[in-house]
C-alpha atoms as a PDB file:
ATOM      1  CA  UNK A   1      43.915   7.355 -66.275  1.00  0.00           C
ATOM      2  CA  UNK A   2      45.178   8.155 -62.492  1.00  0.00           C
ATOM      3  CA  UNK A   3      42.580   6.007 -61.002  1.00  0.00           C
ATOM      4  CA  UNK A   4      42.810   7.187 -57.720  1.00  0.00           C
ATOM      5  CA  UNK A   5      39.496   9.245 -57.716  1.00  0.00           C
ATOM      6  CA  UNK A   6      41.035  12.380 -58.310  1.00  0.00           C
ATOM      7  CA  UNK A   7      38.782  15.023 -60.574  1.00  0.00           C
ATOM      8  CA  UNK A   8      40.135  16.546 -63.860  1.00  0.00           C
ATOM      9  CA  UNK A   9      43.252  19.089 -63.166  1.00  0.00           C
ATOM     10  CA  UNK A  10      43.989  17.240 -59.344  1.00  0.00           C
ATOM     11  CA  UNK A  11      47.098  15.897 -59.202  1.00  0.00           C
ATOM     12  CA  UNK A  12      47.703  11.687 -59.240  1.00  0.00           C
ATOM     13  CA  UNK A  13      48.594  10.240 -55.833  1.00  0.00           C
ATOM     14  CA  UNK A  14      50.765   7.384 -54.731  1.00  0.00           C
ATOM     15  CA  UNK A  15      51.821   5.959 -51.612  1.00  0.00           C
ATOM     16  CA  UNK A  16      55.489   4.613 -51.640  1.00  0.00           C
ATOM     17  CA  UNK A  17      56.834   1.447 -49.631  1.00  0.00           C
ATOM     18  CA  UNK A  18      60.439   1.262 -48.426  1.00  0.00           C
ATOM     19  CA  UNK A  19      63.065   3.671 -47.227  1.00  0.00           C
ATOM     20  CA  UNK A  20      65.678   2.437 -48.985  1.00  0.00           C
ATOM     21  CA  UNK A  21      67.627   4.403 -51.802  1.00  0.00           C
ATOM     22  CA  UNK A  22      65.173   2.326 -54.570  1.00  0.00           C
ATOM     23  CA  UNK A  23      62.292   3.264 -52.641  1.00  0.00           C
ATOM     24  CA  UNK A  24      63.469   7.032 -52.802  1.00  0.00           C
ATOM     25  CA  UNK A  25      64.399   6.701 -56.056  1.00  0.00           C
ATOM     26  CA  UNK A  26      60.624   5.775 -57.484  1.00  0.00           C
ATOM     27  CA  UNK A  27      58.935   8.041 -55.278  1.00  0.00           C
ATOM     28  CA  UNK A  28      61.176  10.930 -56.283  1.00  0.00           C
ATOM     29  CA  UNK A  29      61.134  10.003 -59.915  1.00  0.00           C
ATOM     30  CA  UNK A  30      56.931  10.090 -59.225  1.00  0.00           C
ATOM     31  CA  UNK A  31      57.004  13.614 -57.681  1.00  0.00           C
ATOM     32  CA  UNK A  32      58.638  15.189 -60.541  1.00  0.00           C
ATOM     33  CA  UNK A  33      56.290  13.447 -63.056  1.00  0.00           C
ATOM     34  CA  UNK A  34      53.438  15.518 -60.578  1.00  0.00           C
ATOM     35  CA  UNK A  35      52.353  12.817 -58.483  1.00  0.00           C
ATOM     36  CA  UNK A  36      51.546  13.572 -54.676  1.00  0.00           C
ATOM     37  CA  UNK A  37      53.454  10.754 -52.951  1.00  0.00           C
ATOM     38  CA  UNK A  38      53.485   9.668 -49.883  1.00  0.00           C
ATOM     39  CA  UNK A  39      56.202   7.940 -48.342  1.00  0.00           C
ATOM     40  CA  UNK A  40      56.422   4.958 -45.678  1.00  0.00           C
ATOM     41  CA  UNK A  41      59.874   5.052 -43.661  1.00  0.00           C
ATOM     42  CA  UNK A  42      60.457   4.749 -40.291  1.00  0.00           C
ATOM     43  CA  UNK A  43      63.768   6.750 -41.314  1.00  0.00           C
ATOM     44  CA  UNK A  44      63.929  10.033 -41.724  1.00  0.00           C
ATOM     45  CA  UNK A  45      65.014  11.467 -44.624  1.00  0.00           C
ATOM     46  CA  UNK A  46      65.524  14.775 -46.978  1.00  0.00           C
ATOM     47  CA  UNK A  47      62.835  14.424 -49.542  1.00  0.00           C
ATOM     48  CA  UNK A  48      61.929  16.690 -52.756  1.00  0.00           C
ATOM     49  CA  UNK A  49      58.819  18.826 -52.642  1.00  0.00           C
ATOM     50  CA  UNK A  50      55.491  16.187 -53.451  1.00  0.00           C
ATOM     51  CA  UNK A  51      57.007  13.729 -51.422  1.00  0.00           C
ATOM     52  CA  UNK A  52      55.175  13.724 -47.615  1.00  0.00           C
ATOM     53  CA  UNK A  53      56.918  10.856 -44.736  1.00  0.00           C
ATOM     54  CA  UNK A  54      54.817   9.014 -42.894  1.00  0.00           C
ATOM     55  CA  UNK A  55      55.613   5.785 -40.182  1.00  0.00           C
ATOM     56  CA  UNK A  56      51.669   4.957 -40.430  1.00  0.00           C
ATOM     57  CA  UNK A  57      50.295   2.283 -42.809  1.00  0.00           C
ATOM     58  CA  UNK A  58      46.190   3.431 -42.145  1.00  0.00           C
ATOM     59  CA  UNK A  59      47.419   7.009 -43.867  1.00  0.00           C
ATOM     60  CA  UNK A  60      49.447   5.111 -46.207  1.00  0.00           C
ATOM     61  CA  UNK A  61      46.143   3.386 -47.579  1.00  0.00           C
ATOM     62  CA  UNK A  62      44.404   5.997 -47.438  1.00  0.00           C
ATOM     63  CA  UNK A  63      46.029   8.068 -49.198  1.00  0.00           C
ATOM     64  CA  UNK A  64      46.312   6.582 -52.901  1.00  0.00           C
ATOM     65  CA  UNK A  65      44.731   3.251 -54.340  1.00  0.00           C
ATOM     66  CA  UNK A  66      47.991   2.505 -55.409  1.00  0.00           C
ATOM     67  CA  UNK A  67      50.794   1.142 -53.507  1.00  0.00           C
ATOM     68  CA  UNK A  68      54.589   0.817 -55.087  1.00  0.00           C
ATOM     69  CA  UNK A  69      56.498  -1.820 -52.646  1.00  0.00           C
ATOM     70  CA  UNK A  70      60.070  -1.299 -52.731  1.00  0.00           C
ATOM     71  CA  UNK A  71      61.387  -3.646 -49.454  1.00  0.00           C
ATOM     72  CA  UNK A  72      64.003  -6.556 -48.963  1.00  0.00           C
ATOM     73  CA  UNK A  73      62.578  -9.724 -50.180  1.00  0.00           C
ATOM     74  CA  UNK A  74      62.956 -11.105 -45.550  1.00  0.00           C
ATOM     75  CA  UNK A  75      60.888  -8.313 -45.135  1.00  0.00           C
ATOM     76  CA  UNK A  76      57.972  -8.367 -47.862  1.00  0.00           C
ATOM     77  CA  UNK A  77      56.034 -11.266 -46.374  1.00  0.00           C
ATOM     78  CA  UNK A  78      55.695  -9.717 -42.918  1.00  0.00           C
ATOM     79  CA  UNK A  79      55.214  -6.586 -44.179  1.00  0.00           C
ATOM     80  CA  UNK A  80      52.701  -7.761 -46.699  1.00  0.00           C
ATOM     81  CA  UNK A  81      50.853  -9.115 -42.927  1.00  0.00           C
ATOM     82  CA  UNK A  82      50.486  -5.831 -41.547  1.00  0.00           C
ATOM     83  CA  UNK A  83      49.715  -3.726 -44.508  1.00  0.00           C
ATOM     84  CA  UNK A  84      47.174  -6.518 -45.567  1.00  0.00           C
ATOM     85  CA  UNK A  85      45.153  -5.222 -42.535  1.00  0.00           C
ATOM     86  CA  UNK A  86      44.672  -2.136 -43.861  1.00  0.00           C
ATOM     87  CA  UNK A  87      43.552  -2.889 -47.303  1.00  0.00           C
ATOM     88  CA  UNK A  88      40.497  -3.735 -49.217  1.00  0.00           C
ATOM     89  CA  UNK A  89      39.984  -5.087 -52.496  1.00  0.00           C
ATOM     90  CA  UNK A  90      40.060  -1.581 -54.427  1.00  0.00           C
ATOM     91  CA  UNK A  91      43.951  -1.296 -53.931  1.00  0.00           C
ATOM     92  CA  UNK A  92      46.578  -1.784 -56.343  1.00  0.00           C
ATOM     93  CA  UNK A  93      49.535  -3.352 -55.368  1.00  0.00           C
ATOM     94  CA  UNK A  94      53.095  -2.838 -57.503  1.00  0.00           C
ATOM     95  CA  UNK A  95      56.437  -4.482 -56.416  1.00  0.00           C
ATOM     96  CA  UNK A  96      60.047  -3.014 -57.540  1.00  0.00           C
ATOM     97  CA  UNK A  97      61.313  -5.881 -55.896  1.00  0.00           C
ATOM     98  CA  UNK A  98      64.035  -8.050 -57.891  1.00  0.00           C
ATOM     99  CA  UNK A  99      63.498 -11.757 -56.501  1.00  0.00           C
ATOM    100  CA  UNK A 100      61.137 -14.162 -55.253  1.00  0.00           C
ATOM    101  CA  UNK A 101      60.675 -15.997 -51.839  1.00  0.00           C
ATOM    102  CA  UNK A 102      60.100 -19.030 -50.706  1.00  0.00           C
ATOM    103  CA  UNK A 103      56.700 -20.467 -49.580  1.00  0.00           C
ATOM    104  CA  UNK A 104      56.474 -20.954 -46.004  1.00  0.00           C
ATOM    105  CA  UNK A 105      57.618 -24.353 -44.654  1.00  0.00           C
ATOM    106  CA  UNK A 106      54.792 -25.056 -42.714  1.00  0.00           C
ATOM    107  CA  UNK A 107      52.530 -25.627 -45.111  1.00  0.00           C
ATOM    108  CA  UNK A 108      51.184 -29.053 -45.610  1.00  0.00           C
ATOM    109  CA  UNK A 109      49.179 -28.648 -48.819  1.00  0.00           C
ATOM    110  CA  UNK A 110      51.441 -27.171 -50.637  1.00  0.00           C
ATOM    111  CA  UNK A 111      52.946 -30.154 -53.482  1.00  0.00           C
ATOM    112  CA  UNK A 112      54.704 -27.515 -55.595  1.00  0.00           C
ATOM    113  CA  UNK A 113      58.072 -25.577 -56.061  1.00  0.00           C
ATOM    114  CA  UNK A 114      59.006 -24.017 -53.185  1.00  0.00           C
ATOM    115  CA  UNK A 115      59.914 -20.744 -55.207  1.00  0.00           C
ATOM    116  CA  UNK A 116      56.875 -18.511 -55.771  1.00  0.00           C
ATOM    117  CA  UNK A 117      56.972 -14.533 -57.007  1.00  0.00           C
ATOM    118  CA  UNK A 118      56.414 -11.590 -54.869  1.00  0.00           C
ATOM    119  CA  UNK A 119      53.211 -10.996 -56.579  1.00  0.00           C
ATOM    120  CA  UNK A 120      51.718 -14.406 -55.317  1.00  0.00           C
ATOM    121  CA  UNK A 121      52.895 -13.986 -51.889  1.00  0.00           C
ATOM    122  CA  UNK A 122      50.610 -10.368 -51.896  1.00  0.00           C
ATOM    123  CA  UNK A 123      48.028 -12.269 -53.196  1.00  0.00           C
ATOM    124  CA  UNK A 124      48.465 -14.731 -50.575  1.00  0.00           C
ATOM    125  CA  UNK A 125      49.095 -12.202 -47.887  1.00  0.00           C
ATOM    126  CA  UNK A 126      46.489  -8.995 -48.595  1.00  0.00           C
ATOM    127  CA  UNK A 127      43.294  -8.607 -49.296  1.00  0.00           C
ATOM    128  CA  UNK A 128      44.183  -6.774 -52.923  1.00  0.00           C
ATOM    129  CA  UNK A 129      43.474  -8.500 -55.977  1.00  0.00           C
ATOM    130  CA  UNK A 130      45.361  -6.121 -58.714  1.00  0.00           C
ATOM    131  CA  UNK A 131      48.827  -6.571 -59.023  1.00  0.00           C
ATOM    132  CA  UNK A 132      51.760  -5.400 -61.114  1.00  0.00           C
ATOM    133  CA  UNK A 133      55.988  -5.597 -61.069  1.00  0.00           C
ATOM    134  CA  UNK A 134      58.510  -3.039 -62.278  1.00  0.00           C
ATOM    135  CA  UNK A 135      61.517  -4.072 -63.713  1.00  0.00           C
ATOM    136  CA  UNK A 136      64.107  -3.810 -66.708  1.00  0.00           C
ATOM    137  CA  UNK A 137      67.265  -1.476 -67.061  1.00  0.00           C
ATOM    138  CA  UNK A 138      66.503   1.175 -64.960  1.00  0.00           C
ATOM    139  CA  UNK A 139      69.070   2.150 -62.723  1.00  0.00           C
ATOM    140  CA  UNK A 140      68.444   3.382 -59.078  1.00  0.00           C
ATOM    141  CA  UNK A 141      71.576   6.604 -59.326  1.00  0.00           C
ATOM    142  CA  UNK A 142      69.852   7.592 -62.124  1.00  0.00           C
ATOM    143  CA  UNK A 143      66.599   7.607 -61.544  1.00  0.00           C
ATOM    144  CA  UNK A 144      67.346   9.719 -58.589  1.00  0.00           C
ATOM    145  CA  UNK A 145      69.014  12.307 -60.290  1.00  0.00           C
ATOM    146  CA  UNK A 146      66.397  12.863 -62.892  1.00  0.00           C
ATOM    147  CA  UNK A 147      68.146  11.247 -65.407  1.00  0.00           C
ATOM    148  CA  UNK A 148      66.281  10.180 -68.549  1.00  0.00           C
ATOM    149  CA  UNK A 149      65.245   6.038 -67.603  1.00  0.00           C
ATOM    150  CA  UNK A 150      62.978   3.320 -69.047  1.00  0.00           C
ATOM    151  CA  UNK A 151      61.450   1.290 -66.808  1.00  0.00           C
ATOM    152  CA  UNK A 152      59.129  -1.613 -67.905  1.00  0.00           C
ATOM    153  CA  UNK A 153      55.555  -2.867 -65.894  1.00  0.00           C
ATOM    154  CA  UNK A 154      54.323  -5.589 -66.332  1.00  0.00           C
ATOM    155  CA  UNK A 155      50.540  -6.994 -64.767  1.00  0.00           C
ATOM    156  CA  UNK A 156      47.373  -8.706 -65.953  1.00  0.00           C
ATOM    157  CA  UNK A 157      45.292  -5.521 -65.545  1.00  0.00           C
ATOM    158  CA  UNK A 158      45.685  -2.490 -68.082  1.00  0.00           C
ATOM    159  CA  UNK A 159      44.266  -0.080 -65.514  1.00  0.00           C
ATOM    160  CA  UNK A 160      47.025  -1.435 -63.174  1.00  0.00           C
ATOM    161  CA  UNK A 161      49.596  -0.499 -66.557  1.00  0.00           C
ATOM    162  CA  UNK A 162      47.639   2.886 -66.494  1.00  0.00           C
ATOM    163  CA  UNK A 163      48.183   3.310 -62.894  1.00  0.00           C
ATOM    164  CA  UNK A 164      52.082   3.078 -63.132  1.00  0.00           C
ATOM    165  CA  UNK A 165      52.562   5.183 -66.310  1.00  0.00           C
ATOM    166  CA  UNK A 166      50.289   8.206 -64.822  1.00  0.00           C
ATOM    167  CA  UNK A 167      51.934   7.849 -61.602  1.00  0.00           C
ATOM    168  CA  UNK A 168      55.641   7.525 -62.501  1.00  0.00           C
ATOM    169  CA  UNK A 169      56.048   7.792 -66.188  1.00  0.00           C
ATOM    170  CA  UNK A 170      57.001  12.189 -67.173  1.00  0.00           C
ATOM    171  CA  UNK A 171      59.893  13.245 -69.908  1.00  0.00           C
ATOM    172  CA  UNK A 172      62.316  11.710 -68.232  1.00  0.00           C
ATOM    173  CA  UNK A 173      61.268   7.956 -67.795  1.00  0.00           C
ATOM    174  CA  UNK A 174      59.244   5.686 -70.464  1.00  0.00           C
ATOM    175  CA  UNK A 175      57.273   2.817 -69.088  1.00  0.00           C
ATOM    176  CA  UNK A 176      57.048  -0.181 -70.968  1.00  0.00           C
ATOM    177  CA  UNK A 177      54.702  -2.637 -70.666  1.00  0.00           C
ATOM    178  CA  UNK A 178      54.082  -6.146 -70.998  1.00  0.00           C
ATOM    179  CA  UNK A 179      50.947  -8.702 -69.057  1.00  0.00           C
ATOM    180  CA  UNK A 180      53.805 -11.432 -68.430  1.00  0.00           C
ATOM    181  CA  UNK A 181      54.088 -10.733 -64.614  1.00  0.00           C
ATOM    182  CA  UNK A 182      55.130 -13.805 -63.293  1.00  0.00           C
ATOM    183  CA  UNK A 183      58.135 -13.371 -66.378  1.00  0.00           C
ATOM    184  CA  UNK A 184      59.097 -10.178 -65.327  1.00  0.00           C
ATOM    185  CA  UNK A 185      59.191 -11.004 -61.596  1.00  0.00           C
ATOM    186  CA  UNK A 186      61.832 -14.517 -62.412  1.00  0.00           C
ATOM    187  CA  UNK A 187      64.287 -12.211 -64.846  1.00  0.00           C
ATOM    188  CA  UNK A 188      64.427  -9.454 -62.474  1.00  0.00           C
ATOM    189  CA  UNK A 189      65.586 -12.037 -60.224  1.00  0.00           C
ATOM    190  CA  UNK A 190      67.817 -14.318 -62.590  1.00  0.00           C
ATOM    191  CA  UNK A 191      69.386 -11.153 -63.464  1.00  0.00           C
ATOM    192  CA  UNK A 192      70.312 -10.329 -60.083  1.00  0.00           C
ATOM    193  CA  UNK A 193      71.924 -13.975 -59.826  1.00  0.00           C
ATOM    194  CA  UNK A 194      73.553 -13.578 -63.690  1.00  0.00           C
ATOM    195  CA  UNK A 195      75.207  -9.882 -62.097  1.00  0.00           C
ATOM    196  CA  UNK A 196      76.806 -11.777 -59.746  1.00  0.00           C
ATOM    197  CA  UNK A 197      78.293 -13.568 -62.967  1.00  0.00           C
ATOM    198  CA  UNK A 198      79.345 -10.845 -64.653  1.00  0.00           C
ATOM    199  CA  UNK A 199      81.150  -9.195 -62.415  1.00  0.00           C
ATOM    200  CA  UNK A 200      83.165 -12.309 -61.247  1.00  0.00           C
ATOM    201  CA  UNK A 201      83.969 -12.720 -65.469  1.00  0.00           C
ATOM    202  CA  UNK A 202      85.094  -8.758 -64.797  1.00  0.00           C
ATOM    203  CA  UNK A 203      87.056  -9.475 -61.923  1.00  0.00           C
ATOM    204  CA  UNK A 204      89.098 -12.226 -63.737  1.00  0.00           C
ATOM    205  CA  UNK A 205      89.856 -10.229 -66.705  1.00  0.00           C
ATOM    206  CA  UNK A 206      87.490 -11.476 -69.026  1.00  0.00           C
ATOM    207  CA  UNK A 207      87.701 -10.271 -72.439  1.00  0.00           C
ATOM    208  CA  UNK A 208      85.145  -7.916 -73.829  1.00  0.00           C
ATOM    209  CA  UNK A 209      84.256 -10.550 -76.423  1.00  0.00           C
ATOM    210  CA  UNK A 210      83.722 -13.374 -74.475  1.00  0.00           C
ATOM    211  CA  UNK A 211      81.941 -11.286 -71.526  1.00  0.00           C
ATOM    212  CA  UNK A 212      79.060 -10.457 -74.252  1.00  0.00           C
ATOM    213  CA  UNK A 213      78.843 -14.296 -75.533  1.00  0.00           C
ATOM    214  CA  UNK A 214      78.495 -15.283 -71.950  1.00  0.00           C
ATOM    215  CA  UNK A 215      75.525 -12.736 -71.632  1.00  0.00           C
ATOM    216  CA  UNK A 216      73.936 -13.807 -74.301  1.00  0.00           C
ATOM    217  CA  UNK A 217      73.985 -17.439 -72.970  1.00  0.00           C
ATOM    218  CA  UNK A 218      73.259 -16.552 -69.392  1.00  0.00           C
ATOM    219  CA  UNK A 219      70.148 -15.044 -70.834  1.00  0.00           C
ATOM    220  CA  UNK A 220      69.026 -17.625 -72.937  1.00  0.00           C
ATOM    221  CA  UNK A 221      69.895 -19.677 -69.775  1.00  0.00           C
ATOM    222  CA  UNK A 222      67.661 -17.715 -67.549  1.00  0.00           C
ATOM    223  CA  UNK A 223      64.911 -17.334 -70.210  1.00  0.00           C
ATOM    224  CA  UNK A 224      64.704 -21.279 -70.081  1.00  0.00           C
ATOM    225  CA  UNK A 225      64.653 -21.787 -65.962  1.00  0.00           C
ATOM    226  CA  UNK A 226      61.706 -19.109 -66.726  1.00  0.00           C
ATOM    227  CA  UNK A 227      60.059 -21.403 -69.178  1.00  0.00           C
ATOM    228  CA  UNK A 228      60.005 -23.799 -66.437  1.00  0.00           C
ATOM    229  CA  UNK A 229      58.149 -21.506 -64.048  1.00  0.00           C
ATOM    230  CA  UNK A 230      55.715 -20.331 -66.255  1.00  0.00           C
ATOM    231  CA  UNK A 231      56.968 -17.588 -68.317  1.00  0.00           C
ATOM    232  CA  UNK A 232      57.219 -16.122 -71.529  1.00  0.00           C
ATOM    233  CA  UNK A 233      60.751 -16.253 -72.731  1.00  0.00           C
ATOM    234  CA  UNK A 234      60.295 -13.346 -75.196  1.00  0.00           C
ATOM    235  CA  UNK A 235      60.545 -11.583 -71.419  1.00  0.00           C
ATOM    236  CA  UNK A 236      63.516 -12.248 -70.765  1.00  0.00           C
ATOM    237  CA  UNK A 237      65.505 -11.493 -74.345  1.00  0.00           C
ATOM    238  CA  UNK A 238      63.651  -7.862 -73.478  1.00  0.00           C
ATOM    239  CA  UNK A 239      64.252  -4.969 -71.953  1.00  0.00           C
ATOM    240  CA  UNK A 240      63.032  -6.690 -69.136  1.00  0.00           C
ATOM    241  CA  UNK A 241      65.807  -9.361 -69.529  1.00  0.00           C
ATOM    242  CA  UNK A 242      69.047  -8.785 -71.315  1.00  0.00           C
ATOM    243  CA  UNK A 243      67.971  -5.041 -71.244  1.00  0.00           C
ATOM    244  CA  UNK A 244      68.877  -4.878 -67.417  1.00  0.00           C
ATOM    245  CA  UNK A 245      71.585  -7.641 -67.601  1.00  0.00           C
ATOM    246  CA  UNK A 246      73.006  -4.919 -70.064  1.00  0.00           C
ATOM    247  CA  UNK A 247      72.357  -2.462 -67.672  1.00  0.00           C
ATOM    248  CA  UNK A 248      74.282  -4.405 -65.163  1.00  0.00           C
ATOM    249  CA  UNK A 249      77.175  -4.556 -66.889  1.00  0.00           C
ATOM    250  CA  UNK A 250      77.344  -0.829 -67.533  1.00  0.00           C
ATOM    251  CA  UNK A 251      77.174  -0.507 -64.031  1.00  0.00           C
ATOM    252  CA  UNK A 252      79.846  -0.471 -61.974  1.00  0.00           C
ATOM    253  CA  UNK A 253      78.474  -0.052 -58.519  1.00  0.00           C
ATOM    254  CA  UNK A 254      75.831  -2.370 -58.599  1.00  0.00           C
ATOM    255  CA  UNK A 255      76.396  -4.447 -55.828  1.00  0.00           C
ATOM    256  CA  UNK A 256      75.835  -7.684 -57.656  1.00  0.00           C
ATOM    257  CA  UNK A 257      78.323  -6.908 -60.047  1.00  0.00           C
ATOM    258  CA  UNK A 258      80.916  -5.562 -57.555  1.00  0.00           C
ATOM    259  CA  UNK A 259      80.535  -8.923 -55.239  1.00  0.00           C
ATOM    260  CA  UNK A 260      81.457 -10.936 -58.315  1.00  0.00           C
ATOM    261  CA  UNK A 261      84.417  -8.674 -58.573  1.00  0.00           C
ATOM    262  CA  UNK A 262      85.200  -8.883 -54.717  1.00  0.00           C
ATOM    263  CA  UNK A 263      85.033 -12.591 -54.832  1.00  0.00           C
ATOM    264  CA  UNK A 264      87.352 -13.205 -57.911  1.00  0.00           C
ATOM    265  CA  UNK A 265      89.740 -10.975 -56.441  1.00  0.00           C
ATOM    266  CA  UNK A 266      89.685 -13.358 -53.319  1.00  0.00           C
ATOM    267  CA  UNK A 267      88.446 -11.043 -51.223  1.00  0.00           C
ATOM    268  CA  UNK A 268      85.916 -12.857 -48.174  1.00  0.00           C
ATOM    269  CA  UNK A 269      81.860 -13.010 -48.712  1.00  0.00           C
ATOM    270  CA  UNK A 270      81.773 -11.343 -45.247  1.00  0.00           C
ATOM    271  CA  UNK A 271      84.308  -8.964 -45.832  1.00  0.00           C
ATOM    272  CA  UNK A 272      82.517  -7.299 -49.141  1.00  0.00           C
ATOM    273  CA  UNK A 273      79.195  -7.434 -48.275  1.00  0.00           C
ATOM    274  CA  UNK A 274      80.627  -5.596 -44.818  1.00  0.00           C
ATOM    275  CA  UNK A 275      82.356  -3.211 -47.211  1.00  0.00           C
ATOM    276  CA  UNK A 276      78.983  -2.771 -49.672  1.00  0.00           C
ATOM    277  CA  UNK A 277      76.830  -2.084 -46.277  1.00  0.00           C
ATOM    278  CA  UNK A 278      74.274  -3.780 -47.615  1.00  0.00           C
ATOM    279  CA  UNK A 279      72.446  -7.543 -48.007  1.00  0.00           C
ATOM    280  CA  UNK A 280      72.702  -9.252 -51.503  1.00  0.00           C
ATOM    281  CA  UNK A 281      69.589 -11.213 -52.039  1.00  0.00           C
ATOM    282  CA  UNK A 282      70.761 -13.159 -54.982  1.00  0.00           C
ATOM    283  CA  UNK A 283      73.328 -14.878 -52.471  1.00  0.00           C
ATOM    284  CA  UNK A 284      70.479 -17.019 -50.856  1.00  0.00           C
ATOM    285  CA  UNK A 285      68.623 -16.676 -53.966  1.00  0.00           C
ATOM    286  CA  UNK A 286      71.102 -18.286 -56.469  1.00  0.00           C
ATOM    287  CA  UNK A 287      71.191 -21.787 -54.682  1.00  0.00           C
ATOM    288  CA  UNK A 288      67.654 -22.268 -54.800  1.00  0.00           C
ATOM    289  CA  UNK A 289      67.160 -21.419 -58.198  1.00  0.00           C
ATOM    290  CA  UNK A 290      69.782 -23.993 -59.060  1.00  0.00           C
ATOM    291  CA  UNK A 291      67.771 -26.721 -57.323  1.00  0.00           C
ATOM    292  CA  UNK A 292      64.675 -25.088 -58.917  1.00  0.00           C
ATOM    293  CA  UNK A 293      66.596 -26.100 -62.408  1.00  0.00           C
ATOM    294  CA  UNK A 294      67.475 -29.805 -61.707  1.00  0.00           C
ATOM    295  CA  UNK A 295      64.315 -30.672 -59.946  1.00  0.00           C
ATOM    296  CA  UNK A 296      62.464 -29.300 -63.781  1.00  0.00           C
ATOM    297  CA  UNK A 297      65.706 -30.898 -65.587  1.00  0.00           C
ATOM    298  CA  UNK A 298      66.792 -27.399 -67.036  1.00  0.00           C
ATOM    299  CA  UNK A 299      70.485 -27.041 -67.912  1.00  0.00           C
ATOM    300  CA  UNK A 300      71.486 -23.785 -66.271  1.00  0.00           C
ATOM    301  CA  UNK A 301      75.829 -24.070 -65.919  1.00  0.00           C
ATOM    302  CA  UNK A 302      75.538 -20.820 -65.681  1.00  0.00           C
ATOM    303  CA  UNK A 303      73.407 -19.990 -62.644  1.00  0.00           C
ATOM    304  CA  UNK A 304      74.607 -23.206 -61.062  1.00  0.00           C
ATOM    305  CA  UNK A 305      78.451 -21.795 -61.508  1.00  0.00           C
ATOM    306  CA  UNK A 306      77.142 -19.255 -59.342  1.00  0.00           C
ATOM    307  CA  UNK A 307      75.462 -21.254 -56.638  1.00  0.00           C
ATOM    308  CA  UNK A 308      78.116 -24.243 -56.072  1.00  0.00           C
ATOM    309  CA  UNK A 309      80.856 -22.407 -57.630  1.00  0.00           C
ATOM    310  CA  UNK A 310      81.670 -18.714 -57.101  1.00  0.00           C
ATOM    311  CA  UNK A 311      79.678 -18.206 -53.391  1.00  0.00           C
ATOM    312  CA  UNK A 312      80.876 -21.901 -52.407  1.00  0.00           C
ATOM    313  CA  UNK A 313      84.421 -19.920 -53.800  1.00  0.00           C
ATOM    314  CA  UNK A 314      85.823 -22.526 -55.136  1.00  0.00           C
ATOM    315  CA  UNK A 315      89.300 -21.552 -57.749  1.00  0.00           C
ATOM    316  CA  UNK A 316      89.282 -18.488 -60.272  1.00  0.00           C
ATOM    317  CA  UNK A 317      91.166 -20.546 -63.062  1.00  0.00           C
ATOM    318  CA  UNK A 318      88.118 -23.550 -62.603  1.00  0.00           C
ATOM    319  CA  UNK A 319      85.410 -21.408 -62.298  1.00  0.00           C
ATOM    320  CA  UNK A 320      86.617 -19.377 -65.478  1.00  0.00           C
ATOM    321  CA  UNK A 321      86.730 -22.706 -67.126  1.00  0.00           C
ATOM    322  CA  UNK A 322      82.939 -23.610 -66.083  1.00  0.00           C
ATOM    323  CA  UNK A 323      81.770 -19.929 -66.828  1.00  0.00           C
ATOM    324  CA  UNK A 324      82.904 -19.183 -70.453  1.00  0.00           C
ATOM    325  CA  UNK A 325      83.939 -22.299 -71.903  1.00  0.00           C
ATOM    326  CA  UNK A 326      80.494 -24.745 -71.090  1.00  0.00           C
ATOM    327  CA  UNK A 327      77.911 -21.937 -71.909  1.00  0.00           C
ATOM    328  CA  UNK A 328      79.173 -21.024 -74.890  1.00  0.00           C
ATOM    329  CA  UNK A 329      79.419 -24.740 -76.544  1.00  0.00           C
ATOM    330  CA  UNK A 330      75.582 -25.253 -76.091  1.00  0.00           C
ATOM    331  CA  UNK A 331      73.171 -23.797 -78.444  1.00  0.00           C
ATOM    332  CA  UNK A 332      70.576 -21.099 -77.164  1.00  0.00           C
END
């Protein structure tokens, strides 16, 4: 099922929002799978055959029923509001954003937690009613290069999963599925924070044995936090959680890992971010997640160490003790 109103034999259509490396990689994968892709970006790109570029949201919305968002969390709400003027209830929104967003502070009626998923925000800001999310151990560079990759798509709606598999899935991209949308979104966000800790541990010279124990404890910790938000534990123990973290550990150039390594070597946050040339969303998200864990009485020493130790620039030796000893003394 491609769900774009195309007859038999016609190429499925997909619209992609986001001209960064991740958005272009997703557009490239979709085109490689045989889809007719329209990419929304304000920057000009050299794109492979099968991808057309636009800076017009009306064209984006009319090109395809399924729209894939690949933009930073800092821009996603404003973009959703703007995009929402061009959508209706038949559109499907799927995002590949590894983060959570804050509910506006000027909402006096809201009494719950101030962190919500991207799909929850899209429901607030657009007329669309069917949503999905991408996650898992897929790596941007490998996806863009057409190397064999694995991805997870989550949605409550089978037709959304069919749309993603029909437009993105191909001989070089295998797509696994889950109906735990909230869990995949939280897992993707928390793994990004854990990746900073992985990079820090690597930069501090932690051995492979302790690193593996630390990674396992970190995933179980993330699962406890996710369950407090309403997610399913198994999502964190599968490709969307543990698999994603393993990929981060093997990907030396993942920005979060490089940030952690630099901080362990004594480099400043400012110089490291300047060198990376991009914003790392986990830096701002980590303190909010630590506060969430405290409010829900969830034991989260690793996430807390990232938020209040690594990012607060505590001494390396003290942080190694916190990262390696305390989590290992607790049951999963």
